Amino acid sequence: MSQLKKLVNDKPLWDAFEAELEERIQSSYKTFSQTDDPMVMQRMQGAVHALTALKQLRLKVNANG
């Protein structure tokens, strides 16, 4: 966990990581809204779920001491 603590507590690094996650989330939403393919929709929902979970990483790492 100590390596993750370094990432989540380095503000400039974390902010850059979080911005990248947000960009990918927005891209997934855009793809989701522009497709009629249920399989692609499901993949994009999964991607958004996973990326959102990564955005919560800071809270999880710091909560675990």
Protein backbone atom coordinates (compact mmCIF):
# COMPACT_ATOMS: atom_id res chain seq x y z
CA MET A 1 0.00 0.00 0.00
CA SER A 2 2.90 2.39 0.61
CA GLN A 3 3.49 2.86 -3.11
CA LEU A 4 -0.17 3.78 -3.56
CA LYS A 5 0.07 6.22 -0.65
CA LYS A 6 2.86 8.01 -2.50
CA LEU A 7 0.61 8.40 -5.56
CA VAL A 8 -2.55 9.51 -3.80
CA ASN A 9 -0.80 11.95 -1.45
CA ASP A 10 1.36 13.66 -4.10
CA LYS A 11 -1.13 16.41 -5.00
CA PRO A 12 0.24 17.41 -8.44
CA LEU A 13 0.62 13.77 -9.47
CA TRP A 14 -2.80 12.81 -8.13
CA ASP A 15 -4.45 15.81 -9.80
CA ALA A 16 -2.92 14.82 -13.16
CA PHE A 17 -4.04 11.21 -12.67
CA GLU A 18 -7.54 12.30 -11.71
CA ALA A 19 -7.76 14.61 -14.74
CA GLU A 20 -6.80 11.69 -17.00
CA LEU A 21 -9.45 9.50 -15.38
CA GLU A 22 -12.07 12.20 -15.87
CA GLU A 23 -11.11 12.59 -19.53
CA ARG A 24 -11.51 8.85 -20.05
CA ILE A 25 -14.85 8.84 -18.23
CA GLN A 26 -16.15 11.61 -20.47
CA SER A 27 -14.91 9.76 -23.55
CA SER A 28 -16.73 6.62 -22.41
CA TYR A 29 -19.94 8.58 -21.83
CA LYS A 30 -19.65 10.06 -25.32
CA THR A 31 -19.15 6.63 -26.90
CA PHE A 32 -22.05 5.26 -24.85
CA SER A 33 -24.39 8.02 -26.01
CA GLN A 34 -23.43 7.62 -29.66
CA THR A 35 -23.90 3.88 -30.05
CA ASP A 36 -26.87 1.61 -30.58
CA ASP A 37 -24.85 -1.56 -29.94
CA PRO A 38 -25.86 -3.06 -26.57
CA MET A 39 -22.46 -4.76 -26.22
CA VAL A 40 -20.63 -1.43 -26.63
CA MET A 41 -23.02 0.20 -24.17
CA GLN A 42 -22.30 -2.50 -21.62
CA ARG A 43 -18.54 -2.12 -22.13
CA MET A 44 -18.75 1.64 -21.67
CA GLN A 45 -20.80 1.23 -18.48
CA GLY A 46 -18.12 -1.11 -17.16
CA ALA A 47 -15.37 1.31 -18.12
CA VAL A 48 -17.09 4.19 -16.34
CA HIS A 49 -17.60 2.03 -13.27
CA ALA A 50 -13.92 1.01 -13.18
CA LEU A 51 -12.63 4.54 -13.78
CA THR A 52 -14.92 5.96 -11.12
CA ALA A 53 -13.64 3.34 -8.68
CA LEU A 54 -10.08 4.49 -9.41
CA LYS A 55 -11.11 8.07 -8.58
CA GLN A 56 -12.07 6.78 -5.12
CA LEU A 57 -8.64 5.21 -4.61
CA ARG A 58 -7.34 8.13 -2.54
CA LEU A 59 -10.13 7.71 0.00
CA LYS A 60 -9.65 3.96 0.21
CA VAL A 61 -5.86 4.08 0.59
CA ASN A 62 -5.90 6.82 3.20
CA ALA A 63 -8.77 5.21 5.13
CA ASN A 64 -6.80 1.99 5.52
CA GLY A 65 -3.99 3.78 7.31
